[in-house]
Amino acid sequence: MFKEKRVLFLIAETPVHAGSGSEIGIVDLPIQRERYSDFPKIESSGLKGCIREAFESANKKIELSNQDRKEPQYSAFESANKETEDKGTTVRPKNKIKYKKGNQDKETDYVSLLFGPEEEETHAGAVTITDARILLFPVKSLKGVFAWITCPLVLERFKRDLEMAEIKNFNFPNFSNLQNTTPRASNLAISSKIVLEEFTFEVREDEETTKLAEWLADKIFPATSSYQFWKEKLKKDLVILGDDDFKQFVKTSTETITRTRIDDVTGTVKSGALWTEEYLPQDTIMYSILMFTQPRVESDDQKGIFKRSTPEREAKRVAEFFEKGLPEIIQIGGSQTIGKGFMRVNFLK
């Protein structure tokens, strides 16, 4: 069914509140979590909606590569664009496309072709997005300011998801043997101990952990000079804890902010307008799996837009359109007008 797959990393540039709604508890507005593990997550529906909004808002020109020019055109992303001001392989998310549904003439745009129409459900989208899962979580450290922590369960999940996405350029060890390890020359250790929040852990430097930290640093962060510092930090400041210890940190070391509303007349707190919100901290790193199919519409001649191209090529074209059209930074979750929810995205190469 899915012809192309990608792995998308999400790096929190500001605290992120992907909320689960109001609950009766210590925190009025908690973040989304997995039911059985309590690990933070971002629901795929919310993530897909935010990415769609980013596409629509940017509406930037997308230069598609001239693949296989000896072969027939990719009809969905080239020949269907005749009536727009952008010619050839330059398209925009809001460019219109004409197609047939039964005997009716229909019109859509590229963003609807990719994500599916919002109003009339005439066809499904060509991209599937999974929940964003936690990969690395920042925790205050006595030395080195903060550490990125993870655990064998999270890493085994990540390895399984890479296999599902048919990513082959990795050779990970058995993570269950790496509990309480750090890379070589870690900035965090004090006489083979690290202090995270108020907890002390006995750790050892490990060669496999060093290789893992280098691989993650190279793949997660963009290849720009502004991220060189963070790459070097991750290479030294990764800590693999036990599953239970990791669970405790992601439950108790998120940010909880108290917010209120001031009455314009009295200048005091408005009655009943005091609440608390939970946030994933800045520098949290998550990932999601993206899967692509060919566009799910028929051409004007009712013979299908793939009559001159294969589903595999069409899906590759859709994936290219997604990669080149996605802005480098998107905004996810609530409290957007107070600067929350900015996440930098980067594809695994």
Protein backbone atom coordinates (compact mmCIF):
# COMPACT_ATOMS: atom_id res chain seq x y z
CA MET A 1 0.00 0.00 0.00
CA PHE A 2 2.64 2.53 1.05
CA LYS A 3 5.29 3.06 -1.61
CA GLU A 4 7.52 5.61 0.16
CA LYS A 5 8.40 6.10 3.84
CA ARG A 6 10.27 8.77 5.78
CA VAL A 7 11.32 9.44 9.39
CA LEU A 8 10.69 12.97 10.66
CA PHE A 9 12.48 14.31 13.75
CA LEU A 10 10.83 17.08 15.80
CA ILE A 11 13.05 19.27 17.99
CA ALA A 12 11.29 21.50 20.51
CA GLU A 13 12.57 25.07 20.12
CA THR A 14 10.14 26.29 22.81
CA PRO A 15 8.00 24.43 25.37
CA VAL A 16 5.20 22.45 23.68
CA HIS A 17 1.68 21.92 24.97
CA ALA A 18 -0.01 19.17 22.96
CA GLY A 19 -2.91 18.97 25.37
CA SER A 20 -5.15 16.06 26.28
CA GLY A 21 -7.96 18.31 27.53
CA SER A 22 -8.94 19.22 31.07
CA GLU A 23 -8.65 16.60 33.79
CA ILE A 24 -9.32 16.33 37.51
CA GLY A 25 -5.83 16.24 38.98
CA ILE A 26 -2.87 18.34 40.04
CA VAL A 27 -2.47 19.77 36.52
CA ASP A 28 -5.58 21.24 34.94
CA LEU A 29 -4.36 20.90 31.34
CA PRO A 30 -1.89 17.99 31.01
CA ILE A 31 -0.04 16.93 27.88
CA GLN A 32 -0.87 13.87 25.80
CA ARG A 33 0.60 10.60 27.05
CA GLU A 34 0.51 6.95 26.12
CA ARG A 35 -2.06 5.18 28.23
CA TYR A 36 0.07 2.28 29.49
CA SER A 37 3.57 3.80 29.64
CA ASP A 38 2.88 7.47 30.51
CA PHE A 39 5.47 8.45 27.90
CA PRO A 40 4.68 11.81 26.24
CA LYS A 41 3.37 11.75 22.69
CA ILE A 42 1.68 13.98 20.12
CA GLU A 43 -1.41 12.50 18.51
CA SER A 44 -1.11 11.97 14.78
CA SER A 45 -4.34 13.88 14.09
CA GLY A 46 -3.02 17.02 15.80
CA LEU A 47 0.41 16.67 14.20
CA LYS A 48 -1.09 16.21 10.73
CA GLY A 49 -3.34 19.24 11.20
CA CYS A 50 -0.42 21.45 12.28
CA ILE A 51 1.69 20.30 9.33
CA ARG A 52 -1.19 20.96 6.95
CA GLU A 53 -1.61 24.46 8.38
CA ALA A 54 2.13 25.07 7.93
CA PHE A 55 1.86 24.07 4.25
CA GLU A 56 -1.14 26.31 3.67
CA SER A 57 0.34 29.31 5.47
CA ALA A 58 3.70 29.10 3.73
CA ASN A 59 2.28 28.32 0.25
CA LYS A 60 5.82 28.59 -1.05
CA LYS A 61 7.05 27.62 -4.49
CA ILE A 62 8.25 24.05 -4.54
CA GLU A 63 10.83 23.10 -7.16
CA LEU A 64 10.38 19.44 -8.02
CA SER A 65 13.37 17.69 -9.54
CA ASN A 66 13.26 16.68 -13.20
CA GLN A 67 13.35 12.96 -12.59
CA ASP A 68 13.62 10.54 -15.49
CA ARG A 69 12.92 13.10 -18.19
CA LYS A 70 13.13 10.35 -20.80
CA GLU A 71 10.05 8.86 -19.20
CA PRO A 72 6.48 10.28 -19.44
CA GLN A 73 5.56 13.14 -17.12
CA TYR A 74 4.27 12.58 -13.62
CA SER A 75 0.74 13.69 -14.33
CA ALA A 76 -0.30 14.54 -10.76
CA PHE A 77 2.51 17.03 -10.16
CA GLU A 78 3.35 18.28 -13.64
CA SER A 79 0.81 18.01 -16.44
CA ALA A 80 -2.12 18.87 -14.13
CA ASN A 81 -0.61 22.29 -13.47
CA LYS A 82 -1.17 23.89 -16.90
CA GLU A 83 -3.50 26.68 -15.79
CA THR A 84 -1.28 28.14 -13.07
CA GLU A 85 1.34 30.86 -13.37
CA ASP A 86 4.01 28.41 -12.28
CA LYS A 87 5.23 26.31 -15.21
CA GLY A 88 7.03 23.01 -15.51
CA THR A 89 7.91 21.44 -12.19
CA THR A 90 7.37 24.50 -9.99
CA VAL A 91 4.19 24.21 -7.92
CA ARG A 92 2.54 25.72 -4.85
CA PRO A 93 0.40 23.93 -2.25
CA LYS A 94 -2.65 26.01 -3.21
CA ASN A 95 -2.39 25.45 -6.99
CA LYS A 96 -5.65 24.02 -8.35
CA ILE A 97 -5.99 20.60 -9.97
CA LYS A 98 -8.97 19.38 -12.01
CA TYR A 99 -10.08 15.76 -11.80
CA LYS A 100 -13.08 13.50 -12.29
CA LYS A 101 -15.21 11.78 -9.66
CA GLY A 102 -17.61 9.55 -11.51
CA ASN A 103 -19.26 11.78 -14.11
CA GLN A 104 -18.67 14.97 -12.15
CA ASP A 105 -15.93 17.53 -12.72
CA LYS A 106 -14.11 18.27 -9.47
CA GLU A 107 -11.34 20.62 -8.40
CA THR A 108 -8.84 20.33 -5.58
CA ASP A 109 -5.39 21.71 -4.75
CA TYR A 110 -2.05 20.17 -3.97
CA VAL A 111 -2.40 20.44 -0.20
CA SER A 112 -5.75 18.61 -0.38
CA LEU A 113 -4.22 16.05 -2.72
CA LEU A 114 -1.57 15.47 -0.05
CA PHE A 115 -3.62 15.60 3.17
CA GLY A 116 -7.15 15.01 1.93
CA PRO A 117 -9.96 17.59 1.48
CA GLU A 118 -11.27 19.30 4.60
CA GLU A 119 -14.90 19.82 3.55
CA GLU A 120 -16.21 17.30 1.03
CA GLU A 121 -14.63 13.89 1.53
CA THR A 122 -14.20 13.09 -2.14
CA HIS A 123 -10.87 11.31 -1.72
CA ALA A 124 -8.32 10.39 0.95
CA GLY A 125 -4.93 12.03 1.34
CA ALA A 126 -1.67 10.59 0.05
CA VAL A 127 0.29 10.84 3.32
CA THR A 128 -0.12 8.91 6.55
CA ILE A 129 1.47 10.32 9.73
CA THR A 130 1.97 8.32 12.93
CA ASP A 131 1.90 9.66 16.49
CA ALA A 132 5.06 11.56 17.43
CA ARG A 133 6.95 9.45 19.98
CA ILE A 134 9.50 10.54 22.55
CA LEU A 135 13.14 9.79 21.73
CA LEU A 136 15.28 12.09 23.91
CA PHE A 137 14.15 14.05 26.97
CA PRO A 138 16.15 16.92 28.54
CA VAL A 139 16.75 16.72 32.30
CA LYS A 140 18.60 19.13 34.60
CA SER A 141 22.09 17.93 35.50
CA LEU A 142 24.40 19.00 38.33
CA LYS A 143 27.22 19.14 35.79
CA GLY A 144 26.86 20.10 32.14
CA VAL A 145 23.58 22.03 32.67
CA PHE A 146 21.35 19.29 31.26
CA ALA A 147 21.46 15.80 29.80
CA TRP A 148 19.40 14.12 27.12
CA ILE A 149 18.03 10.91 28.59
CA THR A 150 16.49 7.88 26.93
CA CYS A 151 16.03 4.21 27.83
CA PRO A 152 16.21 0.73 26.24
CA LEU A 153 12.43 0.57 25.70
CA VAL A 154 12.37 3.87 23.78
CA LEU A 155 15.43 2.89 21.72
CA GLU A 156 14.06 -0.55 20.87
CA ARG A 157 10.86 1.10 19.70
CA PHE A 158 12.87 3.52 17.61
CA LYS A 159 14.83 0.64 16.05
CA ARG A 160 11.59 -1.17 15.25
CA ASP A 161 10.11 1.96 13.68
CA LEU A 162 13.23 2.45 11.53
CA GLU A 163 12.81 -1.09 10.27
CA MET A 164 9.14 -0.40 9.52
CA ALA A 165 10.22 2.70 7.58
CA GLU A 166 12.74 0.51 5.70
CA ILE A 167 15.71 2.55 6.92
CA LYS A 168 18.81 0.39 6.61
CA ASN A 169 21.79 2.63 7.39
CA PHE A 170 22.02 1.76 11.07
CA ASN A 171 23.50 -1.06 13.10
CA PHE A 172 22.24 -0.75 16.66
CA PRO A 173 23.28 -3.04 19.53
CA ASN A 174 21.09 -4.78 22.10
CA PHE A 175 19.96 -1.77 24.13
CA SER A 176 19.08 -3.78 27.23
CA ASN A 177 22.84 -4.08 27.88
CA LEU A 178 23.35 -0.31 27.85
CA GLN A 179 21.39 0.70 30.96
CA ASN A 180 23.09 3.49 32.97
CA THR A 181 25.70 4.26 30.33
CA THR A 182 27.10 7.44 28.79
CA PRO A 183 29.39 8.14 25.83
CA ARG A 184 33.13 8.42 26.28
CA ALA A 185 34.41 11.66 27.85
CA SER A 186 30.94 12.62 29.06
CA ASN A 187 30.52 16.17 30.38
CA LEU A 188 28.09 14.97 33.05
CA ALA A 189 29.98 12.46 35.19
CA ILE A 190 31.57 13.21 38.55
CA SER A 191 33.67 10.21 39.63
CA SER A 192 31.52 7.77 37.64
CA LYS A 193 28.30 9.31 38.98
CA ILE A 194 25.81 11.71 37.46
CA VAL A 195 23.24 13.80 39.29
CA LEU A 196 19.97 14.37 37.43
CA GLU A 197 17.47 16.56 39.28
CA GLU A 198 17.85 15.25 42.86
CA PHE A 199 18.79 11.69 41.87
CA THR A 200 22.28 10.19 41.66
CA PHE A 201 23.13 7.39 39.23
CA GLU A 202 26.21 5.22 38.97
CA VAL A 203 27.14 5.18 35.27
CA ARG A 204 29.85 3.79 33.01
CA GLU A 205 31.25 5.03 29.74
CA ASP A 206 30.43 2.68 26.90
CA GLU A 207 31.68 2.34 23.32
CA GLU A 208 28.29 1.32 21.90
CA THR A 209 26.64 4.29 23.60
CA THR A 210 29.30 6.54 22.08
CA LYS A 211 28.51 5.23 18.59
CA LEU A 212 24.78 5.64 19.19
CA ALA A 213 25.19 9.23 20.42
CA GLU A 214 27.28 10.11 17.36
CA TRP A 215 24.72 8.52 15.01
CA LEU A 216 21.80 10.35 16.65
CA ALA A 217 23.64 13.69 16.68
CA ASP A 218 24.41 13.37 13.00
CA LYS A 219 20.87 12.34 12.00
CA ILE A 220 18.63 14.41 14.28
CA PHE A 221 20.01 17.91 13.84
CA PRO A 222 20.12 19.88 10.57
CA ALA A 223 23.47 20.16 8.84
CA THR A 224 23.91 23.86 9.64
CA SER A 225 26.52 25.73 11.64
CA SER A 226 23.89 26.88 14.17
CA TYR A 227 23.38 23.27 15.27
CA GLN A 228 27.03 22.28 15.47
CA PHE A 229 27.13 23.03 19.21
CA TRP A 230 24.07 20.85 19.86
CA LYS A 231 25.51 18.00 17.84
CA GLU A 232 28.66 18.04 19.94
CA LYS A 233 26.64 18.25 23.15
CA LEU A 234 24.51 15.24 22.27
CA LYS A 235 27.64 13.23 21.45
CA LYS A 236 28.82 13.75 25.04
CA ASP A 237 25.65 14.31 27.08
CA LEU A 238 23.43 11.35 26.20
CA VAL A 239 22.43 9.11 29.11
CA ILE A 240 20.69 5.75 28.74
CA LEU A 241 18.76 5.09 31.95
CA GLY A 242 16.61 2.16 32.99
CA ASP A 243 13.04 2.11 31.70
CA ASP A 244 11.49 2.85 35.10
CA ASP A 245 13.86 5.74 35.80
CA PHE A 246 13.10 7.23 32.38
CA LYS A 247 9.37 6.89 33.00
CA GLN A 248 9.73 8.72 36.32
CA PHE A 249 11.55 11.64 34.72
CA VAL A 250 9.12 12.11 31.83
CA LYS A 251 6.25 12.10 34.34
CA THR A 252 7.75 14.49 36.89
CA SER A 253 10.26 16.68 35.01
CA THR A 254 7.94 18.32 32.50
CA GLU A 255 7.20 22.03 32.93
CA THR A 256 4.05 23.03 34.83
CA ILE A 257 3.08 26.68 34.42
CA THR A 258 0.40 28.51 36.35
CA ARG A 259 -1.61 30.94 34.26
CA THR A 260 -4.27 33.44 35.21
CA ARG A 261 -6.48 36.15 33.76
CA ILE A 262 -6.63 39.71 35.14
CA ASP A 263 -9.93 41.53 35.39
CA ASP A 264 -9.66 44.72 33.31
CA VAL A 265 -11.79 46.69 35.76
CA THR A 266 -10.41 45.64 39.14
CA GLY A 267 -6.85 44.88 38.06
CA THR A 268 -6.94 41.69 40.13
CA VAL A 269 -7.21 38.00 39.28
CA LYS A 270 -10.54 37.28 37.64
CA SER A 271 -12.65 34.89 39.70
CA GLY A 272 -12.13 31.28 38.60
CA ALA A 273 -9.49 32.23 36.04
CA LEU A 274 -6.49 30.44 37.55
CA TRP A 275 -5.23 27.24 35.93
CA THR A 276 -2.09 25.17 35.36
CA GLU A 277 -0.74 23.86 32.05
CA GLU A 278 1.84 21.14 31.43
CA TYR A 279 4.51 21.50 28.72
CA LEU A 280 7.12 19.32 27.13
CA PRO A 281 10.36 21.19 27.87
CA GLN A 282 12.42 22.95 25.24
CA ASP A 283 15.00 20.65 23.58
CA THR A 284 12.74 17.59 23.77
CA ILE A 285 13.30 15.41 20.69
CA MET A 286 10.53 13.30 19.17
CA TYR A 287 10.00 11.49 15.88
CA SER A 288 7.18 10.39 13.59
CA ILE A 289 6.95 7.96 10.66
CA LEU A 290 5.54 9.31 7.36
CA MET A 291 4.15 6.97 4.70
CA PHE A 292 3.16 7.99 1.17
CA THR A 293 0.95 6.58 -1.57
CA GLN A 294 0.10 7.82 -5.03
CA PRO A 295 -2.56 10.62 -5.16
CA ARG A 296 -6.06 9.16 -4.87
CA VAL A 297 -7.85 11.01 -7.67
CA GLU A 298 -8.64 10.29 -11.32
CA SER A 299 -7.75 12.48 -14.26
CA ASP A 300 -10.17 14.28 -16.60
CA ASP A 301 -10.20 11.37 -19.03
CA GLN A 302 -11.36 9.01 -16.24
CA LYS A 303 -8.55 6.57 -17.06
CA GLY A 304 -6.61 7.49 -13.96
CA ILE A 305 -3.72 9.88 -13.50
CA PHE A 306 -1.32 6.94 -13.36
CA LYS A 307 -1.87 5.72 -16.89
CA ARG A 308 1.50 7.25 -17.86
CA SER A 309 3.32 6.60 -14.59
CA THR A 310 3.65 3.89 -11.91
CA PRO A 311 2.24 4.18 -8.36
CA GLU A 312 5.80 3.93 -7.05
CA ARG A 313 6.90 6.97 -9.05
CA GLU A 314 3.83 8.93 -8.06
CA ALA A 315 4.39 8.16 -4.37
CA LYS A 316 8.03 9.24 -4.70
CA ARG A 317 6.83 12.50 -6.23
CA VAL A 318 4.40 13.03 -3.36
CA ALA A 319 7.18 12.41 -0.82
CA GLU A 320 9.45 14.89 -2.62
CA PHE A 321 6.67 17.49 -2.62
CA PHE A 322 6.18 16.96 1.14
CA GLU A 323 9.88 17.19 1.98
CA LYS A 324 10.49 20.35 -0.04
CA GLY A 325 7.24 22.04 0.98
CA LEU A 326 7.42 21.49 4.74
CA PRO A 327 8.72 24.61 6.56
CA GLU A 328 11.78 24.14 8.76
CA ILE A 329 9.83 25.23 11.85
CA ILE A 330 6.18 24.43 12.57
CA GLN A 331 3.97 25.28 15.54
CA ILE A 332 2.22 22.46 17.40
CA GLY A 333 -0.29 22.44 20.24
CA GLY A 334 -1.85 25.18 22.33
CA SER A 335 -0.71 28.56 23.67
CA GLN A 336 0.62 29.52 20.23
CA THR A 337 0.07 33.25 20.74
CA ILE A 338 2.42 33.26 23.75
CA GLY A 339 5.25 31.67 21.78
CA LYS A 340 4.78 28.02 22.68
CA GLY A 341 4.86 24.99 20.42
CA PHE A 342 7.66 25.88 17.98
CA MET A 343 9.35 22.69 16.73
CA ARG A 344 12.11 22.36 14.15
CA VAL A 345 11.64 19.45 11.76
CA ASN A 346 14.33 17.45 10.05
CA PHE A 347 14.13 14.36 7.88
CA LEU A 348 16.32 11.35 8.54
CA LYS A 349 18.76 11.12 5.66
